[in-house]
């Protein structure tokens, strides 16, 4: 593994510059029992602050992330794929945040711990395995969801949901590239950030 710098390559832009780009009020209101409850009352996420150094880029990326976050896939399905992306790309930041969100989305500790083992690990439903396999296949040499995986997902998903699968995996791959290349620090306020399992 490439040695990581201890200091971020880019620091987050000031909150007063970033919040207007996100359409966020000064005090973000969120469900204290919802999947993002670990972020209630906290400053802007470091990843958004870092991207905020390029306001036009943040103004383009954030609506896509919001659309996917409010999209047609269940939160549990989304989190399973994001965790797989975070693991495959060795993104400590992505893994730490999405372990917390995944637990709120209904993933059990055992399921989260099994994500690194991949789609062929015993215990996954055919649908869950297809979600994990989609992330693996898009990271593979063909960068394409296979016919087998697509057909499995199509037994549950409609056209809009099917489109969201590669979009979600691609969006969180993009974030992982930024997180790792900029050495974005995990927030101090993230209680007990989950360690990224060894590859």
N, C-alpha and C. Protein backbone atom coordinates (compact mmCIF):
# COMPACT_ATOMS: atom_id res chain seq x y z
N UNK A 1 0.85 -1.19 0.00
CA UNK A 1 0.00 0.00 0.00
C UNK A 1 0.89 1.24 0.00
N UNK A 2 0.49 2.27 -0.74
CA UNK A 2 1.26 3.50 -0.79
C UNK A 2 1.21 4.18 0.57
N UNK A 3 2.37 4.62 1.08
CA UNK A 3 2.36 5.33 2.37
C UNK A 3 1.48 6.57 2.30
N UNK A 4 0.75 6.84 3.38
CA UNK A 4 -0.15 7.98 3.41
C UNK A 4 0.48 9.12 4.19
N UNK A 5 0.28 10.32 3.68
CA UNK A 5 0.73 11.51 4.40
C UNK A 5 -0.10 11.66 5.67
N UNK A 6 0.51 12.27 6.70
CA UNK A 6 -0.25 12.51 7.92
C UNK A 6 -1.07 13.79 7.81
N UNK A 7 -0.62 14.73 6.97
CA UNK A 7 -1.34 15.99 6.81
C UNK A 7 -2.14 15.98 5.50
N UNK A 8 -3.36 16.53 5.52
CA UNK A 8 -4.13 16.61 4.28
C UNK A 8 -3.39 17.43 3.23
N UNK A 9 -3.53 17.04 1.97
CA UNK A 9 -2.94 17.81 0.88
C UNK A 9 -3.72 19.09 0.63
N UNK A 10 -5.02 19.05 0.87
CA UNK A 10 -5.87 20.23 0.76
C UNK A 10 -6.71 20.33 2.02
N UNK A 11 -6.83 21.52 2.56
CA UNK A 11 -7.68 21.71 3.73
C UNK A 11 -9.07 22.14 3.27
N UNK A 12 -10.08 21.85 4.06
CA UNK A 12 -11.44 22.25 3.68
C UNK A 12 -11.57 23.77 3.54
N UNK A 13 -12.35 24.19 2.57
CA UNK A 13 -12.67 25.61 2.42
C UNK A 13 -13.51 26.06 3.61
N UNK A 14 -13.54 27.35 3.92
CA UNK A 14 -14.34 27.84 5.05
C UNK A 14 -15.82 27.48 4.91
N UNK A 15 -16.44 27.15 6.05
CA UNK A 15 -17.85 26.75 6.03
C UNK A 15 -18.74 27.80 5.40
N UNK A 16 -18.45 29.08 5.66
CA UNK A 16 -19.31 30.13 5.11
C UNK A 16 -19.24 30.18 3.59
N UNK A 17 -18.19 29.62 3.02
CA UNK A 17 -18.08 29.53 1.56
C UNK A 17 -18.79 28.28 1.04
N UNK A 18 -18.75 27.20 1.83
CA UNK A 18 -19.25 25.91 1.37
C UNK A 18 -20.76 25.78 1.54
N UNK A 19 -21.30 26.18 2.68
CA UNK A 19 -22.73 25.96 2.96
C UNK A 19 -23.65 26.53 1.89
N UNK A 20 -23.42 27.76 1.40
CA UNK A 20 -24.32 28.27 0.36
C UNK A 20 -24.31 27.42 -0.91
N UNK A 21 -23.18 26.78 -1.20
CA UNK A 21 -23.09 25.92 -2.38
C UNK A 21 -23.90 24.65 -2.20
N UNK A 22 -24.11 24.26 -0.95
CA UNK A 22 -24.85 23.04 -0.65
C UNK A 22 -26.33 23.32 -0.41
N UNK A 23 -26.69 24.60 -0.33
CA UNK A 23 -28.07 24.93 0.01
C UNK A 23 -28.39 24.57 1.43
N UNK A 24 -27.36 24.60 2.30
CA UNK A 24 -27.55 24.20 3.70
C UNK A 24 -27.69 25.44 4.58
N UNK A 25 -28.66 25.48 5.46
CA UNK A 25 -28.73 26.59 6.41
C UNK A 25 -27.58 26.50 7.42
N UNK A 26 -27.39 27.55 8.18
CA UNK A 26 -26.28 27.58 9.14
C UNK A 26 -26.37 26.41 10.12
N UNK A 27 -27.58 26.08 10.54
CA UNK A 27 -27.76 24.93 11.43
C UNK A 27 -28.53 23.86 10.66
N UNK A 28 -27.84 22.81 10.31
CA UNK A 28 -28.48 21.74 9.52
C UNK A 28 -29.47 20.99 10.40
N UNK A 29 -30.69 20.87 9.92
CA UNK A 29 -31.71 20.12 10.63
C UNK A 29 -31.73 18.69 10.08
N UNK A 30 -31.72 17.72 10.95
CA UNK A 30 -31.74 16.33 10.52
C UNK A 30 -32.41 15.49 11.59
N UNK A 31 -32.88 14.35 11.19
CA UNK A 31 -33.54 13.42 12.10
C UNK A 31 -32.51 12.83 13.05
N UNK A 32 -32.65 13.08 14.36
CA UNK A 32 -31.66 12.55 15.30
C UNK A 32 -31.65 11.02 15.38
N UNK A 33 -32.68 10.39 14.84
CA UNK A 33 -32.72 8.93 14.82
C UNK A 33 -32.54 8.38 13.41
N UNK A 34 -32.29 9.25 12.44
CA UNK A 34 -32.17 8.82 11.05
C UNK A 34 -30.80 8.27 10.72
N UNK A 35 -30.60 7.86 9.46
CA UNK A 35 -29.34 7.23 9.06
C UNK A 35 -28.15 8.18 9.10
N UNK A 36 -28.39 9.49 9.06
CA UNK A 36 -27.30 10.46 9.11
C UNK A 36 -27.17 11.09 10.49
N UNK A 37 -27.72 10.43 11.50
CA UNK A 37 -27.78 11.03 12.84
C UNK A 37 -26.39 11.32 13.41
N UNK A 38 -25.38 10.59 12.96
CA UNK A 38 -24.03 10.86 13.49
C UNK A 38 -23.49 12.20 13.01
N UNK A 39 -24.18 12.83 12.05
CA UNK A 39 -23.73 14.12 11.52
C UNK A 39 -24.57 15.29 12.01
N UNK A 40 -25.62 15.02 12.78
CA UNK A 40 -26.52 16.09 13.23
C UNK A 40 -25.74 17.09 14.07
N UNK A 41 -25.86 18.36 13.71
CA UNK A 41 -25.23 19.42 14.48
C UNK A 41 -23.73 19.55 14.27
N UNK A 42 -23.19 18.80 13.34
CA UNK A 42 -21.74 18.84 13.10
C UNK A 42 -21.41 19.79 11.95
N UNK A 43 -20.14 20.20 11.86
CA UNK A 43 -19.73 21.05 10.74
C UNK A 43 -19.87 20.31 9.40
N UNK A 44 -19.70 21.07 8.32
CA UNK A 44 -19.72 20.48 6.98
C UNK A 44 -18.67 19.36 6.92
N UNK A 45 -19.04 18.25 6.27
CA UNK A 45 -18.11 17.14 6.13
C UNK A 45 -16.81 17.60 5.46
N UNK A 46 -15.70 17.05 5.92
CA UNK A 46 -14.40 17.43 5.36
C UNK A 46 -14.34 17.19 3.85
N UNK A 47 -14.96 16.10 3.37
CA UNK A 47 -14.89 15.83 1.94
C UNK A 47 -15.58 16.93 1.15
N UNK A 48 -16.73 17.43 1.64
CA UNK A 48 -17.42 18.51 0.94
C UNK A 48 -16.64 19.81 1.07
N UNK A 49 -16.01 20.02 2.22
CA UNK A 49 -15.19 21.21 2.40
C UNK A 49 -14.00 21.23 1.47
N UNK A 50 -13.37 20.06 1.28
CA UNK A 50 -12.22 19.99 0.37
C UNK A 50 -12.67 20.26 -1.06
N UNK A 51 -13.76 19.62 -1.49
CA UNK A 51 -14.26 19.88 -2.84
C UNK A 51 -14.69 21.34 -2.98
N UNK A 52 -15.09 21.95 -1.86
CA UNK A 52 -15.50 23.35 -1.86
C UNK A 52 -14.39 24.31 -2.24
N UNK A 53 -13.15 23.85 -2.28
CA UNK A 53 -12.06 24.69 -2.79
C UNK A 53 -12.25 24.97 -4.28
N UNK A 54 -13.12 24.20 -4.92
CA UNK A 54 -13.46 24.39 -6.34
C UNK A 54 -14.99 24.53 -6.39
N UNK A 55 -15.51 25.73 -6.13
CA UNK A 55 -16.97 25.89 -5.99
C UNK A 55 -17.78 25.34 -7.15
N UNK A 56 -17.31 25.52 -8.38
CA UNK A 56 -18.08 25.01 -9.53
C UNK A 56 -18.15 23.49 -9.50
N UNK A 57 -17.06 22.85 -9.09
CA UNK A 57 -17.05 21.39 -9.01
C UNK A 57 -18.02 20.91 -7.93
N UNK A 58 -17.98 21.54 -6.75
CA UNK A 58 -18.89 21.16 -5.68
C UNK A 58 -20.34 21.39 -6.11
N UNK A 59 -20.59 22.48 -6.83
CA UNK A 59 -21.96 22.77 -7.29
C UNK A 59 -22.45 21.74 -8.29
N UNK A 60 -21.53 21.04 -8.95
CA UNK A 60 -21.92 19.97 -9.87
C UNK A 60 -22.03 18.62 -9.20
N UNK A 61 -21.12 18.33 -8.28
CA UNK A 61 -21.07 17.02 -7.63
C UNK A 61 -22.19 16.86 -6.60
N UNK A 62 -22.43 17.90 -5.81
CA UNK A 62 -23.38 17.76 -4.70
C UNK A 62 -24.80 17.42 -5.15
N UNK A 63 -25.34 18.05 -6.21
CA UNK A 63 -26.69 17.66 -6.65
C UNK A 63 -26.78 16.20 -7.07
N UNK A 64 -25.72 15.67 -7.69
CA UNK A 64 -25.74 14.26 -8.07
C UNK A 64 -25.79 13.37 -6.82
N UNK A 65 -24.97 13.70 -5.83
CA UNK A 65 -24.98 12.92 -4.59
C UNK A 65 -26.33 13.01 -3.90
N UNK A 66 -26.92 14.21 -3.90
CA UNK A 66 -28.25 14.39 -3.29
C UNK A 66 -29.31 13.58 -4.02
N UNK A 67 -29.24 13.60 -5.37
CA UNK A 67 -30.22 12.84 -6.16
C UNK A 67 -30.11 11.35 -5.87
N UNK A 68 -28.89 10.86 -5.74
CA UNK A 68 -28.70 9.44 -5.43
C UNK A 68 -29.14 9.13 -4.00
N UNK A 69 -28.89 10.07 -3.09
CA UNK A 69 -29.28 9.88 -1.69
C UNK A 69 -30.78 9.86 -1.50
N UNK A 70 -31.50 10.50 -2.41
CA UNK A 70 -32.96 10.53 -2.34
C UNK A 70 -33.57 9.73 -3.49
N UNK A 71 -32.79 8.80 -4.01
CA UNK A 71 -33.19 8.08 -5.22
C UNK A 71 -34.14 6.94 -4.98
N UNK A 72 -34.12 6.02 -5.93
CA UNK A 72 -35.09 4.92 -5.98
C UNK A 72 -34.61 3.66 -5.25
N UNK A 73 -33.33 3.62 -4.90
CA UNK A 73 -32.81 2.43 -4.21
C UNK A 73 -33.02 2.57 -2.71
N UNK A 74 -33.21 1.45 -2.04
CA UNK A 74 -33.32 1.50 -0.58
C UNK A 74 -31.99 1.92 0.01
N UNK A 75 -32.04 2.54 1.18
CA UNK A 75 -30.81 2.97 1.85
C UNK A 75 -29.90 1.78 2.14
N UNK A 76 -30.50 0.67 2.52
CA UNK A 76 -29.69 -0.52 2.82
C UNK A 76 -28.93 -0.97 1.58
N UNK A 77 -29.61 -1.01 0.42
CA UNK A 77 -28.94 -1.44 -0.81
C UNK A 77 -27.82 -0.48 -1.18
N UNK A 78 -28.11 0.83 -1.05
CA UNK A 78 -27.07 1.82 -1.37
C UNK A 78 -25.86 1.63 -0.48
N UNK A 79 -26.11 1.47 0.81
CA UNK A 79 -24.98 1.37 1.74
C UNK A 79 -24.15 0.12 1.52
N UNK A 80 -24.77 -0.96 1.13
CA UNK A 80 -24.03 -2.18 0.84
C UNK A 80 -23.04 -1.92 -0.31
N UNK A 81 -23.50 -1.24 -1.35
CA UNK A 81 -22.61 -0.95 -2.49
C UNK A 81 -21.53 0.06 -2.11
N UNK A 82 -21.90 1.10 -1.35
CA UNK A 82 -20.90 2.11 -0.97
C UNK A 82 -19.82 1.48 -0.09
N UNK A 83 -20.20 0.62 0.83
CA UNK A 83 -19.21 -0.05 1.66
C UNK A 83 -18.27 -0.91 0.82
N UNK A 84 -18.81 -1.58 -0.18
CA UNK A 84 -17.94 -2.39 -1.05
C UNK A 84 -16.97 -1.50 -1.82
N UNK A 85 -17.45 -0.36 -2.33
CA UNK A 85 -16.57 0.58 -3.02
C UNK A 85 -15.49 1.08 -2.06
N UNK A 86 -15.90 1.48 -0.87
CA UNK A 86 -14.93 1.97 0.11
C UNK A 86 -13.87 0.94 0.44
N UNK A 87 -14.30 -0.31 0.56
CA UNK A 87 -13.33 -1.38 0.84
C UNK A 87 -12.41 -1.62 -0.35
N UNK A 88 -12.98 -1.76 -1.54
CA UNK A 88 -12.17 -2.06 -2.73
C UNK A 88 -11.14 -0.97 -3.02
N UNK A 89 -11.53 0.28 -2.78
CA UNK A 89 -10.64 1.39 -3.06
C UNK A 89 -9.81 1.80 -1.85
N UNK A 90 -9.97 1.06 -0.75
CA UNK A 90 -9.18 1.31 0.46
C UNK A 90 -9.38 2.74 0.96
N UNK A 91 -10.62 3.19 0.94
CA UNK A 91 -10.95 4.54 1.39
C UNK A 91 -11.38 4.50 2.86
N UNK A 92 -10.47 4.84 3.74
CA UNK A 92 -10.74 4.82 5.19
C UNK A 92 -11.91 5.75 5.53
N UNK A 93 -11.92 6.92 4.92
CA UNK A 93 -12.96 7.91 5.21
C UNK A 93 -14.33 7.37 4.82
N UNK A 94 -14.43 6.87 3.59
CA UNK A 94 -15.70 6.34 3.11
C UNK A 94 -16.17 5.18 3.99
N UNK A 95 -15.27 4.28 4.32
CA UNK A 95 -15.61 3.13 5.14
C UNK A 95 -16.12 3.57 6.51
N UNK A 96 -15.40 4.48 7.16
CA UNK A 96 -15.76 4.91 8.52
C UNK A 96 -17.16 5.51 8.56
N UNK A 97 -17.44 6.41 7.63
CA UNK A 97 -18.75 7.06 7.63
C UNK A 97 -19.87 6.08 7.26
N UNK A 98 -19.62 5.21 6.32
CA UNK A 98 -20.71 4.37 5.83
C UNK A 98 -20.92 3.12 6.67
N UNK A 99 -19.99 2.78 7.54
CA UNK A 99 -20.30 1.78 8.57
C UNK A 99 -21.38 2.35 9.49
N UNK A 100 -21.22 3.61 9.88
CA UNK A 100 -22.22 4.25 10.75
C UNK A 100 -23.57 4.37 10.05
N UNK A 101 -23.56 4.81 8.79
CA UNK A 101 -24.82 4.96 8.06
C UNK A 101 -25.44 3.59 7.76
N UNK A 102 -24.60 2.63 7.38
CA UNK A 102 -25.08 1.29 7.07
C UNK A 102 -25.78 0.63 8.25
N UNK A 103 -25.24 0.84 9.45
CA UNK A 103 -25.87 0.27 10.64
C UNK A 103 -27.27 0.86 10.84
N UNK A 104 -27.42 2.17 10.58
CA UNK A 104 -28.73 2.80 10.70
C UNK A 104 -29.66 2.35 9.57
N UNK A 105 -29.06 1.92 8.45
CA UNK A 105 -29.86 1.50 7.29
C UNK A 105 -30.35 0.06 7.42
N UNK A 106 -29.93 -0.62 8.47
CA UNK A 106 -30.41 -1.99 8.68
C UNK A 106 -29.39 -3.07 8.43
N UNK A 107 -28.17 -2.71 8.05
CA UNK A 107 -27.13 -3.72 7.91
C UNK A 107 -26.66 -4.15 9.30
N UNK A 108 -26.54 -5.43 9.50
CA UNK A 108 -26.08 -5.92 10.80
C UNK A 108 -24.56 -5.82 10.88
N UNK A 109 -24.04 -5.90 12.10
CA UNK A 109 -22.57 -5.90 12.28
C UNK A 109 -21.95 -7.05 11.50
N UNK A 110 -22.61 -8.20 11.49
CA UNK A 110 -22.08 -9.37 10.78
C UNK A 110 -22.06 -9.12 9.29
N UNK A 111 -23.10 -8.48 8.75
CA UNK A 111 -23.13 -8.19 7.32
C UNK A 111 -22.04 -7.20 6.93
N UNK A 112 -21.88 -6.15 7.74
CA UNK A 112 -20.84 -5.17 7.46
C UNK A 112 -19.47 -5.83 7.49
N UNK A 113 -19.25 -6.70 8.47
CA UNK A 113 -17.97 -7.40 8.58
C UNK A 113 -17.74 -8.35 7.41
N UNK A 114 -18.82 -8.78 6.74
CA UNK A 114 -18.71 -9.73 5.63
C UNK A 114 -18.48 -9.03 4.29
N UNK A 115 -18.72 -7.71 4.22
CA UNK A 115 -18.55 -6.97 2.96
C UNK A 115 -17.17 -7.20 2.35
N UNK A 116 -16.08 -7.15 3.12
CA UNK A 116 -14.76 -7.37 2.50
C UNK A 116 -14.60 -8.74 1.85
N UNK A 117 -15.34 -9.74 2.32
CA UNK A 117 -15.23 -11.09 1.75
C UNK A 117 -15.85 -11.17 0.36
N UNK A 118 -16.70 -10.19 0.03
CA UNK A 118 -17.22 -10.10 -1.32
C UNK A 118 -18.50 -10.87 -1.57
N UNK A 119 -18.94 -10.86 -2.83
CA UNK A 119 -20.25 -11.41 -3.18
C UNK A 119 -20.35 -12.92 -3.08
N UNK A 120 -19.24 -13.62 -3.10
CA UNK A 120 -19.30 -15.08 -3.05
C UNK A 120 -19.22 -15.65 -1.64
N UNK A 121 -19.13 -14.76 -0.65
CA UNK A 121 -19.09 -15.22 0.74
C UNK A 121 -20.44 -15.83 1.12
N UNK A 122 -20.43 -16.91 1.89
CA UNK A 122 -21.70 -17.50 2.33
C UNK A 122 -22.51 -16.51 3.16
N UNK A 123 -23.83 -16.56 3.01
CA UNK A 123 -24.71 -15.76 3.85
C UNK A 123 -25.44 -14.65 3.13
N UNK A 124 -24.96 -14.25 1.95
CA UNK A 124 -25.66 -13.20 1.21
C UNK A 124 -26.88 -13.77 0.48
N UNK A 125 -27.92 -12.98 0.39
CA UNK A 125 -29.02 -13.33 -0.52
C UNK A 125 -28.52 -13.14 -1.95
N UNK A 126 -29.25 -13.68 -2.92
CA UNK A 126 -28.86 -13.51 -4.32
C UNK A 126 -28.84 -12.03 -4.69
N UNK A 127 -29.76 -11.26 -4.16
CA UNK A 127 -29.83 -9.82 -4.45
C UNK A 127 -28.63 -9.08 -3.85
N UNK A 128 -28.35 -9.33 -2.57
CA UNK A 128 -27.21 -8.67 -1.93
C UNK A 128 -25.91 -9.02 -2.64
N UNK A 129 -25.75 -10.28 -3.01
CA UNK A 129 -24.54 -10.70 -3.72
C UNK A 129 -24.42 -9.96 -5.05
N UNK A 130 -25.55 -9.74 -5.73
CA UNK A 130 -25.52 -9.02 -7.01
C UNK A 130 -25.11 -7.56 -6.82
N UNK A 131 -25.54 -6.95 -5.73
CA UNK A 131 -25.13 -5.57 -5.45
C UNK A 131 -23.62 -5.48 -5.26
N UNK A 132 -23.07 -6.39 -4.47
CA UNK A 132 -21.62 -6.40 -4.24
C UNK A 132 -20.87 -6.73 -5.53
N UNK A 133 -21.42 -7.67 -6.29
CA UNK A 133 -20.76 -8.09 -7.54
C UNK A 133 -20.76 -6.95 -8.56
N UNK A 134 -21.81 -6.14 -8.56
CA UNK A 134 -21.85 -4.99 -9.48
C UNK A 134 -20.68 -4.06 -9.21
N UNK A 135 -20.40 -3.80 -7.93
CA UNK A 135 -19.26 -2.95 -7.59
C UNK A 135 -17.95 -3.58 -8.05
N UNK A 136 -17.82 -4.88 -7.86
CA UNK A 136 -16.60 -5.58 -8.28
C UNK A 136 -16.45 -5.52 -9.80
N UNK A 137 -17.53 -5.76 -10.51
CA UNK A 137 -17.46 -5.81 -11.98
C UNK A 137 -17.15 -4.45 -12.59
N UNK A 138 -17.72 -3.39 -12.01
CA UNK A 138 -17.43 -2.06 -12.53
C UNK A 138 -15.99 -1.65 -12.25
N UNK A 139 -15.38 -2.24 -11.24
CA UNK A 139 -13.97 -2.00 -10.94
C UNK A 139 -13.06 -2.91 -11.76
N UNK A 140 -13.62 -3.89 -12.46
CA UNK A 140 -12.84 -4.86 -13.22
C UNK A 140 -12.41 -4.33 -14.57
N UNK A 141 -11.71 -5.16 -15.34
CA UNK A 141 -11.15 -4.72 -16.62
C UNK A 141 -12.19 -4.31 -17.66
N UNK A 142 -13.39 -4.89 -17.58
CA UNK A 142 -14.42 -4.51 -18.55
C UNK A 142 -15.23 -3.30 -18.10
N UNK A 143 -15.15 -2.95 -16.82
CA UNK A 143 -15.90 -1.80 -16.27
C UNK A 143 -17.36 -1.85 -16.70
N UNK A 144 -17.96 -3.02 -16.53
CA UNK A 144 -19.34 -3.25 -17.00
C UNK A 144 -20.01 -4.25 -16.08
N UNK A 145 -21.27 -3.99 -15.75
CA UNK A 145 -22.05 -4.96 -15.00
C UNK A 145 -22.37 -6.11 -15.94
N UNK A 146 -22.05 -7.32 -15.52
CA UNK A 146 -22.24 -8.49 -16.40
C UNK A 146 -23.72 -8.77 -16.63
N UNK A 147 -24.00 -9.57 -17.66
CA UNK A 147 -25.39 -9.96 -17.94
C UNK A 147 -25.99 -10.70 -16.76
N UNK A 148 -25.22 -11.58 -16.16
CA UNK A 148 -25.72 -12.38 -15.03
C UNK A 148 -26.14 -11.47 -13.88
N UNK A 149 -25.27 -10.52 -13.53
CA UNK A 149 -25.57 -9.62 -12.41
C UNK A 149 -26.73 -8.70 -12.75
N UNK A 150 -26.74 -8.17 -13.97
CA UNK A 150 -27.83 -7.29 -14.40
C UNK A 150 -29.18 -8.01 -14.33
N UNK A 151 -29.20 -9.24 -14.81
CA UNK A 151 -30.45 -10.01 -14.80
C UNK A 151 -30.93 -10.28 -13.38
N UNK A 152 -29.99 -10.55 -12.48
CA UNK A 152 -30.37 -10.77 -11.09
C UNK A 152 -30.96 -9.49 -10.49
N UNK A 153 -30.31 -8.36 -10.72
CA UNK A 153 -30.83 -7.10 -10.20
C UNK A 153 -32.19 -6.75 -10.82
N UNK A 154 -32.36 -7.10 -12.10
CA UNK A 154 -33.60 -6.78 -12.81
C UNK A 154 -34.79 -7.60 -12.30
N UNK A 155 -34.55 -8.65 -11.53
CA UNK A 155 -35.68 -9.38 -10.94
C UNK A 155 -36.33 -8.57 -9.83
N UNK A 156 -35.60 -7.55 -9.31
CA UNK A 156 -36.11 -6.72 -8.21
C UNK A 156 -36.27 -5.27 -8.63
N UNK A 157 -35.38 -4.79 -9.47
CA UNK A 157 -35.32 -3.36 -9.81
C UNK A 157 -36.01 -3.03 -11.12
N UNK A 158 -36.55 -1.79 -11.18
CA UNK A 158 -37.06 -1.26 -12.44
C UNK A 158 -35.93 -0.51 -13.16
N UNK A 159 -36.24 0.12 -14.29
CA UNK A 159 -35.21 0.77 -15.11
C UNK A 159 -34.50 1.89 -14.35
N UNK A 160 -35.24 2.69 -13.59
CA UNK A 160 -34.61 3.79 -12.87
C UNK A 160 -33.66 3.26 -11.79
N UNK A 161 -34.07 2.22 -11.10
CA UNK A 161 -33.21 1.64 -10.08
C UNK A 161 -31.95 1.03 -10.71
N UNK A 162 -32.13 0.36 -11.84
CA UNK A 162 -30.97 -0.22 -12.52
C UNK A 162 -29.97 0.87 -12.92
N UNK A 163 -30.47 2.01 -13.38
CA UNK A 163 -29.58 3.11 -13.75
C UNK A 163 -28.83 3.66 -12.53
N UNK A 164 -29.49 3.65 -11.39
CA UNK A 164 -28.84 4.19 -10.20
C UNK A 164 -27.68 3.32 -9.71
N UNK A 165 -27.68 2.04 -10.04
CA UNK A 165 -26.61 1.17 -9.54
C UNK A 165 -25.24 1.62 -10.05
N UNK A 166 -25.00 1.70 -11.38
CA UNK A 166 -23.68 2.16 -11.82
C UNK A 166 -23.44 3.63 -11.47
N UNK A 167 -24.50 4.44 -11.41
CA UNK A 167 -24.32 5.85 -11.04
C UNK A 167 -23.82 5.97 -9.60
N UNK A 168 -24.42 5.20 -8.70
CA UNK A 168 -24.01 5.23 -7.29
C UNK A 168 -22.58 4.74 -7.12
N UNK A 169 -22.28 3.61 -7.74
CA UNK A 169 -20.93 3.05 -7.63
C UNK A 169 -19.92 4.04 -8.22
N UNK A 170 -20.26 4.64 -9.35
CA UNK A 170 -19.37 5.63 -9.96
C UNK A 170 -19.19 6.86 -9.10
N UNK A 171 -20.27 7.35 -8.49
CA UNK A 171 -20.20 8.56 -7.66
C UNK A 171 -19.30 8.34 -6.45
N UNK A 172 -19.44 7.19 -5.81
CA UNK A 172 -18.62 6.94 -4.62
C UNK A 172 -17.20 6.51 -4.98
N UNK A 173 -16.99 6.04 -6.19
CA UNK A 173 -15.64 5.84 -6.69
C UNK A 173 -14.97 7.20 -6.88
N UNK A 174 -15.69 8.14 -7.48
CA UNK A 174 -15.18 9.50 -7.64
C UNK A 174 -14.80 10.10 -6.29
N UNK A 175 -15.69 9.96 -5.29
CA UNK A 175 -15.39 10.50 -3.96
C UNK A 175 -14.17 9.83 -3.36
N UNK A 176 -14.04 8.52 -3.54
CA UNK A 176 -12.88 7.82 -2.99
C UNK A 176 -11.59 8.33 -3.63
N UNK A 177 -11.61 8.60 -4.93
CA UNK A 177 -10.43 9.15 -5.59
C UNK A 177 -10.04 10.50 -4.96
N UNK A 178 -11.02 11.35 -4.72
CA UNK A 178 -10.74 12.65 -4.11
C UNK A 178 -10.27 12.48 -2.67
N UNK A 179 -10.98 11.67 -1.92
CA UNK A 179 -10.63 11.45 -0.52
C UNK A 179 -9.20 10.97 -0.36
N UNK A 180 -8.82 10.00 -1.18
CA UNK A 180 -7.48 9.42 -1.04
C UNK A 180 -6.39 10.33 -1.62
N UNK A 181 -6.66 10.94 -2.77
CA UNK A 181 -5.64 11.78 -3.39
C UNK A 181 -5.40 13.06 -2.61
N UNK A 182 -6.43 13.57 -1.95
CA UNK A 182 -6.28 14.80 -1.15
C UNK A 182 -5.97 14.50 0.31
N UNK A 183 -5.90 13.21 0.67
CA UNK A 183 -5.66 12.81 2.07
C UNK A 183 -6.64 13.51 3.02
N UNK A 184 -7.93 13.43 2.68
CA UNK A 184 -8.95 14.07 3.51
C UNK A 184 -9.02 13.36 4.86
N UNK A 185 -8.96 14.13 5.91
CA UNK A 185 -8.96 13.58 7.27
C UNK A 185 -10.38 13.21 7.71
N UNK A 186 -10.48 12.09 8.44
CA UNK A 186 -11.75 11.74 9.07
C UNK A 186 -12.01 12.74 10.19
N UNK A 187 -13.23 13.19 10.31
CA UNK A 187 -13.58 14.22 11.28
C UNK A 187 -13.31 13.76 12.71
N UNK A 188 -12.84 14.68 13.54
CA UNK A 188 -12.58 14.38 14.96
C UNK A 188 -13.86 14.00 15.69
N UNK A 189 -15.00 14.53 15.21
CA UNK A 189 -16.25 14.29 15.92
C UNK A 189 -16.88 12.94 15.59
N UNK A 190 -16.33 12.22 14.61
CA UNK A 190 -16.91 10.91 14.27
C UNK A 190 -16.53 9.92 15.37
N UNK A 191 -17.50 9.58 16.19
CA UNK A 191 -17.26 8.72 17.35
C UNK A 191 -16.89 7.33 16.89
N UNK A 192 -15.79 6.82 17.41
CA UNK A 192 -15.34 5.45 17.13
C UNK A 192 -15.39 5.13 15.64
N UNK A 193 -14.65 5.86 14.80
CA UNK A 193 -14.67 5.54 13.37
C UNK A 193 -14.19 4.12 13.11
N UNK A 194 -14.94 3.41 12.32
CA UNK A 194 -14.64 2.00 12.06
C UNK A 194 -13.34 1.89 11.25
N UNK A 195 -12.47 0.99 11.68
CA UNK A 195 -11.23 0.75 10.96
C UNK A 195 -11.53 0.01 9.66
N UNK A 196 -10.81 0.38 8.62
CA UNK A 196 -10.93 -0.32 7.34
C UNK A 196 -10.28 -1.69 7.48
N UNK A 197 -11.01 -2.77 7.19
CA UNK A 197 -10.40 -4.11 7.29
C UNK A 197 -9.22 -4.27 6.33
N UNK A 198 -8.29 -5.10 6.72
CA UNK A 198 -7.13 -5.38 5.85
C UNK A 198 -7.60 -6.03 4.55
N UNK A 199 -6.91 -5.72 3.48
CA UNK A 199 -7.24 -6.31 2.18
C UNK A 199 -6.77 -7.75 2.13
